[in-house]
Amino acid sequence: MILKIPQNSSFNLELAKKLLLLIEQAHKEFDKSQNEKNWNWDTDMNPIDLNGKKYKIKLRFGFAEYFYTFKKILNINITRLGDLGRERVPFGFIAHDEESNEVYVVFRGTMTPAEWITNTQFRPEHEPFLGKISLGKVHRGFHKIYTRQDIGPKLFSKEDDLPSIKDCIEKTIKAGLTENNSAQVYVTGHSLGGALATLATLHIKEINHFQKPPILYAFANPRAGGLEFSEQFAGLQCFRIANSEDIVPTLPLPSIRFTSNSNDTTSKSLNRTKLPLLSPLLPDLNYYHIGEPIYFTNHKESIAENHIIPAYKEALGIA
């Protein structure tokens, strides 16, 4: 298989390999959070050791998911109904390479049933990014994960509430993520994490703390927003790496308008079907991909196998 890198592209293969391994590390941290219940990932600041290189952890961030599994709901203690099957799970981290003065904002991929539902919504609602109409509209599910406050388990109480991923990232940056603001920031994620990384890239750009604009490497990511949102990335280095056999980057559908003004025979035939009657039931937002496409073809004969990180590692030449 061959990565289809456009001529004169600034895409950096070695950087992409490193970023994908950092995403894989975020996956491993999710697994660790499930298997080692005494691990407090919120407070663990131990550095990441990747191929002999240490990355200093500045922040680990997470999100509270509800109805995490039916098993958890059925087993919930009657005295803890306020939990409602809630579980706060790690979603990624911010790491700093002090030697190169590079910052990595890393989002893991889809890991839970709730996250798969968010990924594959056929009729995703939308809302203004960060509440600003000027920044365009984005997928409400992705936006909720990025901006919603982490509501604590106690009903009618804010005692255990925690900041959103957005607030955590913004506070960490403004509090002095590095000794100066000359660091290069790379934002990356896989699958759902790629959509969140897209949101975070524009958010970091809007914070305007660093001298250099953030650079985005998104792997296997679904579309995140509409035309006005995509236009905010003009001038930024953004790359989306996708397997042509992976279904997730094709979602949400770019458009749900069935009718066509074309005189093409196929268009006329489609207009005569009953499909256009569905249009009022569907959202009016057209979804756009963001960034320079870097494609490859790696068919593993399974929807899951075509999407998971090992297929992408193989395409990038990671042993």
Protein backbone atom coordinates (compact mmCIF):
# COMPACT_ATOMS: atom_id res chain seq x y z
CA MET A 1 0.00 0.00 0.00
CA ILE A 2 1.20 3.54 -0.78
CA LEU A 3 0.43 6.80 0.98
CA LYS A 4 -0.83 9.20 -1.67
CA ILE A 5 1.04 12.36 -0.69
CA PRO A 6 0.40 15.30 -3.03
CA GLN A 7 3.41 16.77 -4.79
CA ASN A 8 5.01 19.68 -2.89
CA SER A 9 3.01 18.77 0.21
CA SER A 10 4.41 19.79 3.60
CA PHE A 11 3.11 16.52 5.08
CA ASN A 12 5.80 15.03 7.35
CA LEU A 13 5.74 11.23 7.44
CA GLU A 14 8.07 10.90 10.43
CA LEU A 15 5.99 13.37 12.39
CA ALA A 16 2.82 11.49 11.43
CA LYS A 17 4.34 8.26 12.75
CA LYS A 18 5.18 9.90 16.08
CA LEU A 19 1.72 11.41 16.41
CA LEU A 20 0.01 8.09 15.68
CA LEU A 21 2.10 6.41 18.38
CA LEU A 22 1.10 9.14 20.82
CA ILE A 23 -2.55 8.47 19.95
CA GLU A 24 -1.94 4.78 20.57
CA GLN A 25 -0.54 5.74 23.97
CA ALA A 26 -3.83 7.55 24.72
CA HIS A 27 -5.66 4.32 23.80
CA LYS A 28 -3.48 2.39 26.22
CA GLU A 29 -4.26 4.91 28.95
CA PHE A 30 -7.98 4.36 28.38
CA ASP A 31 -7.46 0.61 28.75
CA LYS A 32 -5.42 1.19 31.88
CA SER A 33 -8.20 3.32 33.36
CA GLN A 34 -10.61 0.42 32.87
CA ASN A 35 -8.31 -2.31 34.18
CA GLU A 36 -6.61 -0.47 37.05
CA LYS A 37 -9.35 1.22 39.03
CA ASN A 38 -6.85 2.65 41.52
CA TRP A 39 -5.07 4.61 38.78
CA ASN A 40 -5.95 8.29 39.08
CA TRP A 41 -5.27 9.50 35.57
CA ASP A 42 -6.50 12.99 36.49
CA THR A 43 -3.53 13.58 38.77
CA ASP A 44 -0.89 11.31 37.22
CA MET A 45 1.79 13.57 35.74
CA ASN A 46 4.34 10.85 35.02
CA PRO A 47 6.00 11.46 31.64
CA ILE A 48 5.35 9.31 28.60
CA ASP A 49 8.32 7.27 27.39
CA LEU A 50 7.97 6.66 23.66
CA ASN A 51 10.81 4.94 21.80
CA GLY A 52 13.28 6.12 24.42
CA LYS A 53 12.09 9.73 24.34
CA LYS A 54 10.27 11.28 27.28
CA TYR A 55 7.33 13.63 26.89
CA LYS A 56 6.37 15.71 29.91
CA ILE A 57 2.66 15.52 30.71
CA LYS A 58 1.02 18.90 31.28
CA LEU A 59 -2.58 17.70 31.45
CA ARG A 60 -4.75 14.62 31.10
CA PHE A 61 -8.34 15.42 30.20
CA GLY A 62 -11.53 13.37 30.17
CA PHE A 63 -15.26 13.34 29.65
CA ALA A 64 -18.21 12.00 31.64
CA GLU A 65 -20.18 9.47 29.60
CA TYR A 66 -23.68 8.38 30.55
CA PHE A 67 -25.27 4.95 30.11
CA TYR A 68 -21.75 3.70 29.63
CA THR A 69 -22.88 0.05 29.38
CA PHE A 70 -26.16 -1.64 30.19
CA LYS A 71 -24.28 -3.87 32.61
CA LYS A 72 -23.21 -0.84 34.64
CA ILE A 73 -26.77 0.50 34.69
CA LEU A 74 -28.22 -2.82 35.85
CA ASN A 75 -25.60 -3.16 38.56
CA ILE A 76 -25.90 0.40 39.85
CA ASN A 77 -26.36 0.72 43.59
CA ILE A 78 -29.79 2.11 44.51
CA THR A 79 -28.06 4.62 46.79
CA ARG A 80 -26.06 5.99 43.84
CA LEU A 81 -28.86 6.61 41.34
CA GLY A 82 -27.36 10.04 40.74
CA ASP A 83 -24.58 8.34 38.79
CA LEU A 84 -27.10 7.21 36.15
CA GLY A 85 -24.55 4.81 34.75
CA ARG A 86 -22.05 7.65 34.51
CA GLU A 87 -18.35 7.06 34.14
CA ARG A 88 -15.67 9.66 33.54
CA VAL A 89 -13.13 8.33 31.07
CA PRO A 90 -9.79 9.73 29.82
CA PHE A 91 -9.85 11.19 26.33
CA GLY A 92 -6.26 12.32 25.89
CA PHE A 93 -3.47 14.50 27.12
CA ILE A 94 -1.22 17.48 26.46
CA ALA A 95 2.47 16.61 26.34
CA HIS A 96 5.57 18.78 25.94
CA ASP A 97 8.89 17.86 24.37
CA GLU A 98 11.17 20.31 26.15
CA GLU A 99 14.14 19.54 23.90
CA SER A 100 12.36 20.57 20.70
CA ASN A 101 9.87 22.90 22.42
CA GLU A 102 6.95 21.11 20.78
CA VAL A 103 3.52 20.66 22.34
CA TYR A 104 1.25 17.73 21.49
CA VAL A 105 -2.49 17.83 22.10
CA VAL A 106 -3.56 14.21 21.68
CA PHE A 107 -7.06 12.69 21.48
CA ARG A 108 -7.66 8.95 21.54
CA GLY A 109 -10.11 7.28 19.16
CA THR A 110 -13.54 5.76 19.62
CA MET A 111 -13.55 3.24 22.46
CA THR A 112 -17.06 2.96 23.95
CA PRO A 113 -20.57 2.21 22.62
CA ALA A 114 -21.67 5.77 23.36
CA GLU A 115 -18.80 7.14 21.28
CA TRP A 116 -19.62 4.86 18.33
CA ILE A 117 -23.19 6.17 18.40
CA THR A 118 -21.84 9.73 18.27
CA ASN A 119 -19.59 8.79 15.33
CA THR A 120 -22.28 7.18 13.22
CA GLN A 121 -25.30 9.44 13.71
CA PHE A 122 -27.10 9.68 10.38
CA ARG A 123 -28.98 12.80 11.42
CA PRO A 124 -26.48 14.79 13.48
CA GLU A 125 -27.76 18.07 14.85
CA HIS A 126 -25.46 21.07 14.76
CA GLU A 127 -24.68 24.25 16.68
CA PRO A 128 -22.30 27.24 16.48
CA PHE A 129 -18.73 26.39 17.42
CA LEU A 130 -17.89 27.79 20.87
CA GLY A 131 -21.25 29.55 20.71
CA LYS A 132 -19.98 31.94 18.02
CA ILE A 133 -21.97 32.13 14.78
CA SER A 134 -18.91 33.65 13.09
CA LEU A 135 -16.96 30.40 13.54
CA GLY A 136 -19.55 28.29 11.72
CA LYS A 137 -21.65 25.32 12.75
CA VAL A 138 -20.36 21.95 13.93
CA HIS A 139 -21.65 18.47 14.76
CA ARG A 140 -23.48 18.80 18.09
CA GLY A 141 -22.28 15.43 19.42
CA PHE A 142 -18.61 16.25 18.87
CA HIS A 143 -19.13 19.77 20.20
CA LYS A 144 -20.83 18.45 23.35
CA ILE A 145 -17.90 16.16 24.15
CA TYR A 146 -15.46 19.04 23.68
CA THR A 147 -17.37 21.82 25.48
CA ARG A 148 -19.76 20.25 27.99
CA GLN A 149 -18.88 20.65 31.64
CA ASP A 150 -18.13 17.34 33.33
CA ILE A 151 -21.22 17.08 35.53
CA GLY A 152 -20.55 15.37 38.83
CA PRO A 153 -22.51 12.36 40.16
CA LYS A 154 -24.50 14.27 42.77
CA LEU A 155 -27.90 15.36 41.50
CA PHE A 156 -28.75 19.07 41.94
CA SER A 157 -25.21 19.75 43.18
CA LYS A 158 -22.19 21.27 41.46
CA GLU A 159 -19.83 20.13 44.19
CA ASP A 160 -18.17 17.46 42.03
CA ASP A 161 -18.42 19.25 38.68
CA LEU A 162 -15.24 19.42 36.61
CA PRO A 163 -14.29 21.67 33.68
CA SER A 164 -14.93 20.64 30.09
CA ILE A 165 -12.13 19.43 27.81
CA LYS A 166 -12.25 22.86 26.19
CA ASP A 167 -11.85 24.67 29.51
CA CYS A 168 -9.05 22.34 30.64
CA ILE A 169 -7.06 22.94 27.46
CA GLU A 170 -7.65 26.69 27.51
CA LYS A 171 -6.73 27.04 31.20
CA THR A 172 -3.56 24.97 30.76
CA ILE A 173 -2.44 27.06 27.79
CA LYS A 174 -3.15 30.40 29.45
CA ALA A 175 -1.52 29.30 32.73
CA GLY A 176 1.81 28.93 30.97
CA LEU A 177 2.02 25.61 29.20
CA THR A 178 5.63 26.35 28.27
CA GLU A 179 8.22 28.86 29.47
CA ASN A 180 7.46 31.06 26.46
CA ASN A 181 4.91 31.15 23.67
CA SER A 182 7.29 30.14 20.88
CA ALA A 183 6.40 26.42 20.99
CA GLN A 184 4.99 24.64 17.96
CA VAL A 185 1.66 22.98 18.80
CA TYR A 186 0.59 19.78 17.06
CA VAL A 187 -2.99 18.60 17.49
CA THR A 188 -3.84 15.01 16.61
CA GLY A 189 -6.44 12.31 17.07
CA HIS A 190 -7.90 9.15 15.57
CA SER A 191 -11.55 8.55 14.65
CA LEU A 192 -13.80 10.52 17.04
CA GLY A 193 -10.55 11.90 18.46
CA GLY A 194 -9.70 13.24 15.00
CA ALA A 195 -12.96 15.22 14.98
CA LEU A 196 -12.21 16.55 18.48
CA ALA A 197 -8.66 17.40 17.38
CA THR A 198 -10.18 19.43 14.53
CA LEU A 199 -12.30 21.40 17.01
CA ALA A 200 -9.30 21.86 19.31
CA THR A 201 -7.13 23.18 16.48
CA LEU A 202 -9.51 26.05 15.75
CA HIS A 203 -10.00 26.64 19.48
CA ILE A 204 -6.23 26.92 20.05
CA LYS A 205 -5.99 29.24 17.07
CA GLU A 206 -8.70 31.43 18.62
CA ILE A 207 -6.90 31.51 21.99
CA ASN A 208 -4.01 33.13 20.08
CA HIS A 209 -1.41 32.40 22.77
CA PHE A 210 1.36 30.92 20.64
CA GLN A 211 3.40 32.76 18.05
CA LYS A 212 3.00 29.88 15.57
CA PRO A 213 -0.39 28.56 14.46
CA PRO A 214 -1.30 24.99 15.47
CA ILE A 215 -0.79 22.14 13.00
CA LEU A 216 -3.42 19.39 12.68
CA TYR A 217 -2.85 15.71 11.82
CA ALA A 218 -6.21 13.89 11.97
CA PHE A 219 -6.43 10.14 11.37
CA ALA A 220 -9.62 8.36 10.24
CA ASN A 221 -11.74 11.29 11.36
CA PRO A 222 -15.39 11.96 10.50
CA ARG A 223 -16.46 15.34 9.15
CA ALA A 224 -16.90 17.84 11.97
CA GLY A 225 -18.68 20.90 10.59
CA GLY A 226 -20.06 22.99 7.77
CA LEU A 227 -18.61 25.30 5.14
CA GLU A 228 -18.20 28.38 7.35
CA PHE A 229 -16.43 26.25 9.97
CA SER A 230 -14.07 24.76 7.36
CA GLU A 231 -13.21 28.25 6.09
CA GLN A 232 -11.77 29.16 9.51
CA PHE A 233 -8.84 26.80 8.80
CA ALA A 234 -7.55 28.81 5.84
CA GLY A 235 -3.81 29.31 6.17
CA LEU A 236 -3.36 26.48 8.69
CA GLN A 237 -1.44 23.28 8.01
CA CYS A 238 -4.06 20.54 8.32
CA PHE A 239 -3.79 16.96 7.16
CA ARG A 240 -6.37 14.16 7.25
CA ILE A 241 -4.98 10.67 6.85
CA ALA A 242 -7.59 8.13 5.79
CA ASN A 243 -7.91 4.56 4.58
CA SER A 244 -10.06 4.53 1.42
CA GLU A 245 -11.73 1.38 2.82
CA ASP A 246 -12.56 2.98 6.18
CA ILE A 247 -16.23 3.94 6.59
CA VAL A 248 -15.80 6.47 9.44
CA PRO A 249 -14.21 9.28 7.33
CA THR A 250 -17.28 9.14 5.07
CA LEU A 251 -19.51 10.22 7.98
CA PRO A 252 -21.57 12.29 8.50
CA LEU A 253 -22.78 12.36 4.90
CA PRO A 254 -21.54 15.50 3.14
CA SER A 255 -25.08 16.34 2.11
CA ILE A 256 -28.55 14.84 2.54
CA ARG A 257 -30.22 16.81 -0.26
CA PHE A 258 -31.67 14.23 -2.65
CA THR A 259 -33.05 16.55 -5.31
CA SER A 260 -30.96 18.01 -8.12
CA ASN A 261 -31.41 20.83 -10.62
CA SER A 262 -29.26 19.00 -13.14
CA ASN A 263 -30.70 17.67 -16.39
CA ASP A 264 -28.59 14.56 -16.00
CA THR A 265 -30.60 11.37 -16.52
CA THR A 266 -29.55 9.96 -13.13
CA SER A 267 -30.59 13.16 -11.33
CA LYS A 268 -34.00 13.17 -13.02
CA SER A 269 -34.49 9.54 -12.06
CA LEU A 270 -33.61 10.25 -8.42
CA ASN A 271 -35.96 13.24 -8.32
CA ARG A 272 -38.83 10.95 -9.33
CA THR A 273 -38.28 8.69 -6.34
CA LYS A 274 -39.85 9.25 -2.92
CA LEU A 275 -36.44 9.92 -1.33
CA PRO A 276 -36.78 13.74 -1.59
CA LEU A 277 -39.73 13.47 0.81
CA LEU A 278 -37.20 12.64 3.54
CA SER A 279 -35.40 15.98 3.21
CA PRO A 280 -37.54 17.89 5.75
CA LEU A 281 -36.67 15.25 8.36
CA LEU A 282 -32.93 15.74 7.94
CA PRO A 283 -30.57 18.54 9.05
CA ASP A 284 -29.88 21.43 6.70
CA LEU A 285 -26.11 21.46 7.29
CA ASN A 286 -23.72 20.25 4.60
CA TYR A 287 -20.58 18.71 6.15
CA TYR A 288 -17.11 19.45 4.83
CA HIS A 289 -13.78 17.69 5.20
CA ILE A 290 -10.92 19.82 6.49
CA GLY A 291 -7.29 19.62 5.50
CA GLU A 292 -5.11 18.14 2.81
CA PRO A 293 -6.10 14.50 2.11
CA ILE A 294 -3.45 11.81 2.57
CA TYR A 295 -5.04 8.55 1.41
CA PHE A 296 -4.05 4.92 1.26
CA THR A 297 -5.87 1.65 0.57
CA ASN A 298 -5.64 -1.13 3.12
CA HIS A 299 -8.63 -3.47 2.96
CA LYS A 300 -8.70 -5.84 5.94
CA GLU A 301 -12.10 -7.36 5.02
CA SER A 302 -13.75 -5.96 8.14
CA ILE A 303 -15.26 -2.57 8.98
CA ALA A 304 -13.48 -2.54 12.33
CA GLU A 305 -10.12 -3.78 10.98
CA ASN A 306 -10.17 -1.15 8.22
CA HIS A 307 -10.58 1.56 10.84
CA ILE A 308 -8.40 0.66 13.81
CA ILE A 309 -4.94 2.04 14.49
CA PRO A 310 -2.98 -1.09 13.37
CA ALA A 311 -4.24 -0.57 9.79
CA TYR A 312 -2.97 3.02 9.90
CA LYS A 313 0.33 2.01 11.49
CA GLU A 314 0.85 -0.48 8.69
CA ALA A 315 0.18 2.20 6.05
CA LEU A 316 2.66 4.59 7.66
CA GLY A 317 5.31 1.87 7.86
CA ILE A 318 5.37 1.55 11.65
CA ALA A 319 6.67 -1.87 12.61
